[in-house]
Amino acid sequence: MTKNTRRYKFWYMKPNTLAYRLNMAMTMMGITQGALAKASGVSQPTIWRLTKGEAEGSRKLVDIARALDVNVQWLASGEGEMRGNAGLSAIDKVKTGSTIPVWGPEGKTGEIVSSPNGVKAKRTWRAYILDRNSGCAEGTAGSIVIIDTDVPPESGDLVMARVSSRISVYRYLEGPSNGFLTVDDTRLPAVELSDESELIGVAIFLIRDLRR
């Protein structure tokens, strides 16, 4: 979803509402309702009601804001900046918390990053740093993608996968057998998961380098 189409996507929503801001943040991060529910610890029905404007708020807004890497005051009321420290790199914006190992094509790199906003990391989490733009608008070069290798993907989720020898971000689509990996360019064919295309995990956090 590009900057030019985000506003169009939410044309039917009042702009100064929690639902509008929540949908905007989810689109910018490339996270589905199911993935946000898992990352924040908030039930998916609650997330759904908030995105549809059927709930005016939740006691879990702090957890939702942390999972989306946005300021809770902005999410709740629209006041202040959406994200603080916008001029920092993606690495700098990952605040001190429990650590997550950084992986690459050859396995663990020996480097670590801290989990966003101090969220307690799980053993099944991995971090990848994109060295180039992926085929999905949310996964730009320099971004940090934190995945959970133990979460089953749902259709529409951003996932990390290995296709041939390259590891990158794709969008998962459910299929009759193994599922498919797709990108935003509809001219490119979907790749069916197989021995040559391995699903590694579901993206639960995506910290973009806004300077690129």
C-alpha atoms as a PDB file:
ATOM      1  CA  MET A   1       0.000   0.000   0.000  1.00  0.00           C
ATOM      2  CA  THR A   2       1.588   3.263  -1.058  1.00  0.00           C
ATOM      3  CA  LYS A   3       1.312   6.631   0.617  1.00  0.00           C
ATOM      4  CA  ASN A   4      -0.985   7.822  -2.163  1.00  0.00           C
ATOM      5  CA  THR A   5      -3.489   5.027  -1.591  1.00  0.00           C
ATOM      6  CA  ARG A   6      -3.575   4.868   2.213  1.00  0.00           C
ATOM      7  CA  ARG A   7      -5.924   7.831   2.506  1.00  0.00           C
ATOM      8  CA  TYR A   8      -8.154   6.395  -0.217  1.00  0.00           C
ATOM      9  CA  LYS A   9      -8.350   3.057   1.582  1.00  0.00           C
ATOM     10  CA  PHE A  10      -9.914   4.700   4.635  1.00  0.00           C
ATOM     11  CA  TRP A  11     -12.113   7.210   2.783  1.00  0.00           C
ATOM     12  CA  TYR A  12     -15.235   5.940   4.570  1.00  0.00           C
ATOM     13  CA  MET A  13     -13.825   6.561   8.053  1.00  0.00           C
ATOM     14  CA  LYS A  14     -13.881   9.793  10.003  1.00  0.00           C
ATOM     15  CA  PRO A  15     -10.227  10.889  10.106  1.00  0.00           C
ATOM     16  CA  ASN A  16     -10.090  11.961  13.755  1.00  0.00           C
ATOM     17  CA  THR A  17     -11.067   8.590  15.217  1.00  0.00           C
ATOM     18  CA  LEU A  18      -9.307   5.727  16.917  1.00  0.00           C
ATOM     19  CA  ALA A  19     -10.431   3.338  14.151  1.00  0.00           C
ATOM     20  CA  TYR A  20      -8.886   5.552  11.449  1.00  0.00           C
ATOM     21  CA  ARG A  21      -5.569   5.869  13.265  1.00  0.00           C
ATOM     22  CA  LEU A  22      -5.450   2.164  14.114  1.00  0.00           C
ATOM     23  CA  ASN A  23      -6.096   1.119  10.516  1.00  0.00           C
ATOM     24  CA  MET A  24      -3.499   3.602   9.271  1.00  0.00           C
ATOM     25  CA  ALA A  25      -0.852   2.280  11.682  1.00  0.00           C
ATOM     26  CA  MET A  26      -1.637  -1.327  10.783  1.00  0.00           C
ATOM     27  CA  THR A  27      -1.369  -0.567   7.052  1.00  0.00           C
ATOM     28  CA  MET A  28       1.920   1.295   7.469  1.00  0.00           C
ATOM     29  CA  MET A  29       3.354  -1.613   9.439  1.00  0.00           C
ATOM     30  CA  GLY A  30       1.884  -4.245   7.141  1.00  0.00           C
ATOM     31  CA  ILE A  31       0.300  -6.221   9.973  1.00  0.00           C
ATOM     32  CA  THR A  32      -2.986  -8.096   9.927  1.00  0.00           C
ATOM     33  CA  GLN A  33      -5.570  -8.202  12.697  1.00  0.00           C
ATOM     34  CA  GLY A  34      -4.507 -11.719  13.595  1.00  0.00           C
ATOM     35  CA  ALA A  35      -0.817 -10.851  13.756  1.00  0.00           C
ATOM     36  CA  LEU A  36      -1.538  -7.720  15.801  1.00  0.00           C
ATOM     37  CA  ALA A  37      -3.619  -9.761  18.231  1.00  0.00           C
ATOM     38  CA  LYS A  38      -0.738 -12.200  18.722  1.00  0.00           C
ATOM     39  CA  ALA A  39       1.875  -9.457  19.070  1.00  0.00           C
ATOM     40  CA  SER A  40      -0.133  -7.351  21.532  1.00  0.00           C
ATOM     41  CA  GLY A  41      -1.833 -10.088  23.556  1.00  0.00           C
ATOM     42  CA  VAL A  42      -5.238  -8.565  22.746  1.00  0.00           C
ATOM     43  CA  SER A  43      -8.025 -10.807  21.447  1.00  0.00           C
ATOM     44  CA  GLN A  44      -8.708 -10.637  17.724  1.00  0.00           C
ATOM     45  CA  PRO A  45     -12.416  -9.820  18.246  1.00  0.00           C
ATOM     46  CA  THR A  46     -11.330  -6.750  20.243  1.00  0.00           C
ATOM     47  CA  ILE A  47      -8.934  -5.720  17.466  1.00  0.00           C
ATOM     48  CA  TRP A  48     -11.739  -6.183  14.923  1.00  0.00           C
ATOM     49  CA  ARG A  49     -14.174  -4.013  16.912  1.00  0.00           C
ATOM     50  CA  LEU A  50     -11.559  -1.271  17.265  1.00  0.00           C
ATOM     51  CA  THR A  51     -10.749  -1.267  13.543  1.00  0.00           C
ATOM     52  CA  LYS A  52     -14.449  -1.071  12.650  1.00  0.00           C
ATOM     53  CA  GLY A  53     -15.150   1.764  15.096  1.00  0.00           C
ATOM     54  CA  GLU A  54     -17.481  -0.419  17.152  1.00  0.00           C
ATOM     55  CA  ALA A  55     -15.437   0.213  20.305  1.00  0.00           C
ATOM     56  CA  GLU A  56     -14.369   3.682  21.440  1.00  0.00           C
ATOM     57  CA  GLY A  57     -11.333   2.425  23.301  1.00  0.00           C
ATOM     58  CA  SER A  58      -9.708  -0.397  25.200  1.00  0.00           C
ATOM     59  CA  ARG A  59      -7.667  -0.820  28.366  1.00  0.00           C
ATOM     60  CA  LYS A  60      -5.181  -2.625  26.115  1.00  0.00           C
ATOM     61  CA  LEU A  61      -4.340   0.401  23.937  1.00  0.00           C
ATOM     62  CA  VAL A  62      -0.888   0.594  25.514  1.00  0.00           C
ATOM     63  CA  ASP A  63      -0.154  -2.978  24.419  1.00  0.00           C
ATOM     64  CA  ILE A  64      -1.553  -2.322  20.942  1.00  0.00           C
ATOM     65  CA  ALA A  65       0.507   0.859  20.578  1.00  0.00           C
ATOM     66  CA  ARG A  66       3.659  -0.977  21.631  1.00  0.00           C
ATOM     67  CA  ALA A  67       3.038  -3.731  19.097  1.00  0.00           C
ATOM     68  CA  LEU A  68       2.550  -1.119  16.356  1.00  0.00           C
ATOM     69  CA  ASP A  69       5.514   0.977  17.503  1.00  0.00           C
ATOM     70  CA  VAL A  70       3.378   4.126  17.781  1.00  0.00           C
ATOM     71  CA  ASN A  71       2.809   6.562  20.631  1.00  0.00           C
ATOM     72  CA  VAL A  72      -0.169   5.540  22.729  1.00  0.00           C
ATOM     73  CA  GLN A  73      -1.338   9.148  23.150  1.00  0.00           C
ATOM     74  CA  TRP A  74      -1.475   9.572  19.373  1.00  0.00           C
ATOM     75  CA  LEU A  75      -3.340   6.291  18.943  1.00  0.00           C
ATOM     76  CA  ALA A  76      -5.867   7.080  21.673  1.00  0.00           C
ATOM     77  CA  SER A  77      -6.571  10.756  20.958  1.00  0.00           C
ATOM     78  CA  GLY A  78      -4.642  11.853  17.883  1.00  0.00           C
ATOM     79  CA  GLU A  79      -2.503  14.211  19.950  1.00  0.00           C
ATOM     80  CA  GLY A  80       1.250  14.492  19.418  1.00  0.00           C
ATOM     81  CA  GLU A  81       3.399  12.634  16.922  1.00  0.00           C
ATOM     82  CA  MET A  82       2.518   9.207  15.581  1.00  0.00           C
ATOM     83  CA  ARG A  83       6.055   8.002  16.247  1.00  0.00           C
ATOM     84  CA  GLY A  84       8.830   9.594  18.193  1.00  0.00           C
ATOM     85  CA  ASN A  85      12.423   9.846  16.997  1.00  0.00           C
ATOM     86  CA  ALA A  86      11.397   9.736  13.329  1.00  0.00           C
ATOM     87  CA  GLY A  87      14.862  10.790  12.250  1.00  0.00           C
ATOM     88  CA  LEU A  88      16.572   7.738  13.705  1.00  0.00           C
ATOM     89  CA  SER A  89      17.499   4.669  11.745  1.00  0.00           C
ATOM     90  CA  ALA A  90      15.557   1.439  12.100  1.00  0.00           C
ATOM     91  CA  ILE A  91      18.250   0.010  14.398  1.00  0.00           C
ATOM     92  CA  ASP A  92      18.096   3.062  16.685  1.00  0.00           C
ATOM     93  CA  LYS A  93      14.315   2.869  16.936  1.00  0.00           C
ATOM     94  CA  VAL A  94      14.418  -0.632  18.448  1.00  0.00           C
ATOM     95  CA  LYS A  95      14.431   0.337  22.109  1.00  0.00           C
ATOM     96  CA  THR A  96      16.167  -1.478  24.906  1.00  0.00           C
ATOM     97  CA  GLY A  97      14.402  -4.643  26.006  1.00  0.00           C
ATOM     98  CA  SER A  98      14.971  -8.359  25.759  1.00  0.00           C
ATOM     99  CA  THR A  99      17.178  -9.311  22.852  1.00  0.00           C
ATOM    100  CA  ILE A 100      16.424 -11.150  19.608  1.00  0.00           C
ATOM    101  CA  PRO A 101      19.105 -12.889  17.509  1.00  0.00           C
ATOM    102  CA  VAL A 102      19.679 -11.564  14.010  1.00  0.00           C
ATOM    103  CA  TRP A 103      19.584 -14.217  11.305  1.00  0.00           C
ATOM    104  CA  GLY A 104      20.759 -14.228   7.715  1.00  0.00           C
ATOM    105  CA  PRO A 105      20.910 -16.670   4.789  1.00  0.00           C
ATOM    106  CA  GLU A 106      23.574 -18.732   6.566  1.00  0.00           C
ATOM    107  CA  GLY A 107      21.834 -18.821   9.954  1.00  0.00           C
ATOM    108  CA  LYS A 108      22.542 -16.830  13.111  1.00  0.00           C
ATOM    109  CA  THR A 109      24.869 -13.919  12.507  1.00  0.00           C
ATOM    110  CA  GLY A 110      26.003 -13.423  16.102  1.00  0.00           C
ATOM    111  CA  GLU A 111      24.330  -9.999  16.210  1.00  0.00           C
ATOM    112  CA  ILE A 112      21.288  -9.109  18.284  1.00  0.00           C
ATOM    113  CA  VAL A 113      18.619  -6.422  18.399  1.00  0.00           C
ATOM    114  CA  SER A 114      16.395  -5.422  21.291  1.00  0.00           C
ATOM    115  CA  SER A 115      12.681  -6.096  21.100  1.00  0.00           C
ATOM    116  CA  PRO A 116      10.504  -3.049  20.288  1.00  0.00           C
ATOM    117  CA  ASN A 117       9.403  -0.961  23.258  1.00  0.00           C
ATOM    118  CA  GLY A 118      10.679  -3.490  25.769  1.00  0.00           C
ATOM    119  CA  VAL A 119       8.281  -6.274  24.750  1.00  0.00           C
ATOM    120  CA  LYS A 120       9.477  -9.575  26.154  1.00  0.00           C
ATOM    121  CA  ALA A 121      10.926 -11.627  23.301  1.00  0.00           C
ATOM    122  CA  LYS A 122      10.133 -15.306  22.826  1.00  0.00           C
ATOM    123  CA  ARG A 123      12.619 -18.013  21.952  1.00  0.00           C
ATOM    124  CA  THR A 124      10.821 -18.541  18.662  1.00  0.00           C
ATOM    125  CA  TRP A 125      11.506 -14.956  17.516  1.00  0.00           C
ATOM    126  CA  ARG A 126      14.161 -14.065  14.955  1.00  0.00           C
ATOM    127  CA  ALA A 127      15.223 -10.750  13.440  1.00  0.00           C
ATOM    128  CA  TYR A 128      16.219 -10.173   9.836  1.00  0.00           C
ATOM    129  CA  ILE A 129      17.604  -6.949   8.359  1.00  0.00           C
ATOM    130  CA  LEU A 130      16.563  -6.445   4.742  1.00  0.00           C
ATOM    131  CA  ASP A 131      19.543  -5.615   2.524  1.00  0.00           C
ATOM    132  CA  ARG A 132      17.285  -4.628  -0.375  1.00  0.00           C
ATOM    133  CA  ASN A 133      13.670  -3.720  -1.041  1.00  0.00           C
ATOM    134  CA  SER A 134      11.370  -6.710  -0.955  1.00  0.00           C
ATOM    135  CA  GLY A 135       8.460  -7.143  -3.313  1.00  0.00           C
ATOM    136  CA  CYS A 136       6.113  -5.785  -0.641  1.00  0.00           C
ATOM    137  CA  ALA A 137       5.797  -2.053  -0.032  1.00  0.00           C
ATOM    138  CA  GLU A 138       6.162  -2.441   3.728  1.00  0.00           C
ATOM    139  CA  GLY A 139       9.495  -4.283   3.492  1.00  0.00           C
ATOM    140  CA  THR A 140      11.981  -1.632   2.399  1.00  0.00           C
ATOM    141  CA  ALA A 141      15.770  -1.897   2.439  1.00  0.00           C
ATOM    142  CA  GLY A 142      17.231  -1.328   5.895  1.00  0.00           C
ATOM    143  CA  SER A 143      14.078  -2.432   7.698  1.00  0.00           C
ATOM    144  CA  ILE A 144      14.218  -4.855  10.606  1.00  0.00           C
ATOM    145  CA  VAL A 145      11.687  -7.673  10.366  1.00  0.00           C
ATOM    146  CA  ILE A 146      11.017  -9.641  13.541  1.00  0.00           C
ATOM    147  CA  ILE A 147       9.284 -12.955  12.941  1.00  0.00           C
ATOM    148  CA  ASP A 148       7.829 -15.735  15.041  1.00  0.00           C
ATOM    149  CA  THR A 149       8.744 -19.159  13.697  1.00  0.00           C
ATOM    150  CA  ASP A 150       6.016 -20.841  15.751  1.00  0.00           C
ATOM    151  CA  VAL A 151       2.987 -18.859  14.511  1.00  0.00           C
ATOM    152  CA  PRO A 152       0.923 -20.418  11.713  1.00  0.00           C
ATOM    153  CA  PRO A 153       0.402 -17.936   8.864  1.00  0.00           C
ATOM    154  CA  GLU A 154      -2.993 -16.573   7.884  1.00  0.00           C
ATOM    155  CA  SER A 155      -3.922 -15.346   4.443  1.00  0.00           C
ATOM    156  CA  GLY A 156      -2.659 -11.785   3.996  1.00  0.00           C
ATOM    157  CA  ASP A 157       0.101 -12.027   6.610  1.00  0.00           C
ATOM    158  CA  LEU A 158       3.570 -10.731   5.851  1.00  0.00           C
ATOM    159  CA  VAL A 159       6.017 -13.609   6.175  1.00  0.00           C
ATOM    160  CA  MET A 160       9.730 -14.245   5.859  1.00  0.00           C
ATOM    161  CA  ALA A 161      10.568 -16.991   3.411  1.00  0.00           C
ATOM    162  CA  ARG A 162      13.496 -18.469   1.528  1.00  0.00           C
ATOM    163  CA  VAL A 163      12.984 -18.774  -2.219  1.00  0.00           C
ATOM    164  CA  SER A 164      15.960 -20.512  -3.819  1.00  0.00           C
ATOM    165  CA  SER A 165      18.854 -18.938  -1.909  1.00  0.00           C
ATOM    166  CA  ARG A 166      17.280 -15.554  -1.148  1.00  0.00           C
ATOM    167  CA  ILE A 167      15.474 -14.695   2.080  1.00  0.00           C
ATOM    168  CA  SER A 168      12.926 -11.897   1.849  1.00  0.00           C
ATOM    169  CA  VAL A 169       9.488 -10.666   2.861  1.00  0.00           C
ATOM    170  CA  TYR A 170       6.423 -11.963   1.043  1.00  0.00           C
ATOM    171  CA  ARG A 171       2.685 -11.906   1.520  1.00  0.00           C
ATOM    172  CA  TYR A 172       1.174 -15.279   2.329  1.00  0.00           C
ATOM    173  CA  LEU A 173      -1.965 -16.561   0.630  1.00  0.00           C
ATOM    174  CA  GLU A 174      -3.727 -19.716   1.676  1.00  0.00           C
ATOM    175  CA  GLY A 175      -3.929 -22.439  -0.951  1.00  0.00           C
ATOM    176  CA  PRO A 176      -5.470 -25.870  -1.374  1.00  0.00           C
ATOM    177  CA  SER A 177      -2.264 -27.548  -0.236  1.00  0.00           C
ATOM    178  CA  ASN A 178       0.830 -25.654   0.921  1.00  0.00           C
ATOM    179  CA  GLY A 179      -0.059 -22.009   0.401  1.00  0.00           C
ATOM    180  CA  PHE A 180       1.554 -19.372  -1.792  1.00  0.00           C
ATOM    181  CA  LEU A 181       4.022 -16.488  -1.526  1.00  0.00           C
ATOM    182  CA  THR A 182       3.115 -13.293  -3.373  1.00  0.00           C
ATOM    183  CA  VAL A 183       4.386  -9.735  -3.822  1.00  0.00           C
ATOM    184  CA  ASP A 184       2.619  -6.475  -4.600  1.00  0.00           C
ATOM    185  CA  ASP A 185       3.361  -6.606  -8.332  1.00  0.00           C
ATOM    186  CA  THR A 186       0.475  -8.675  -9.668  1.00  0.00           C
ATOM    187  CA  ARG A 187       2.411  -9.328 -12.894  1.00  0.00           C
ATOM    188  CA  LEU A 188       4.719 -11.642 -10.958  1.00  0.00           C
ATOM    189  CA  PRO A 189       3.379 -15.163 -10.394  1.00  0.00           C
ATOM    190  CA  ALA A 190       2.708 -16.516  -6.928  1.00  0.00           C
ATOM    191  CA  VAL A 191       5.229 -19.049  -5.653  1.00  0.00           C
ATOM    192  CA  GLU A 192       3.834 -22.217  -4.131  1.00  0.00           C
ATOM    193  CA  LEU A 193       5.539 -23.357  -0.944  1.00  0.00           C
ATOM    194  CA  SER A 194       7.705 -26.379  -1.657  1.00  0.00           C
ATOM    195  CA  ASP A 195      11.215 -27.739  -1.086  1.00  0.00           C
ATOM    196  CA  GLU A 196      12.519 -24.759  -3.076  1.00  0.00           C
ATOM    197  CA  SER A 197      10.444 -22.142  -1.221  1.00  0.00           C
ATOM    198  CA  GLU A 198      10.551 -22.466   2.554  1.00  0.00           C
ATOM    199  CA  LEU A 199       8.350 -20.457   4.916  1.00  0.00           C
ATOM    200  CA  ILE A 200      10.468 -19.318   7.881  1.00  0.00           C
ATOM    201  CA  GLY A 201       8.003 -17.389  10.034  1.00  0.00           C
ATOM    202  CA  VAL A 202       5.279 -14.761  10.313  1.00  0.00           C
ATOM    203  CA  ALA A 203       6.270 -11.104  10.650  1.00  0.00           C
ATOM    204  CA  ILE A 204       5.072  -9.703  13.977  1.00  0.00           C
ATOM    205  CA  PHE A 205       7.092  -6.459  14.012  1.00  0.00           C
ATOM    206  CA  LEU A 206       8.440  -4.454  11.099  1.00  0.00           C
ATOM    207  CA  ILE A 207      10.599  -1.450  11.940  1.00  0.00           C
ATOM    208  CA  ARG A 208      11.142   0.622   8.828  1.00  0.00           C
ATOM    209  CA  ASP A 209      14.111   2.854   8.080  1.00  0.00           C
ATOM    210  CA  LEU A 210      12.182   6.021   7.236  1.00  0.00           C
ATOM    211  CA  ARG A 211      15.266   7.736   5.846  1.00  0.00           C
ATOM    212  CA  ARG A 212      15.314   5.510   2.756  1.00  0.00           C
END
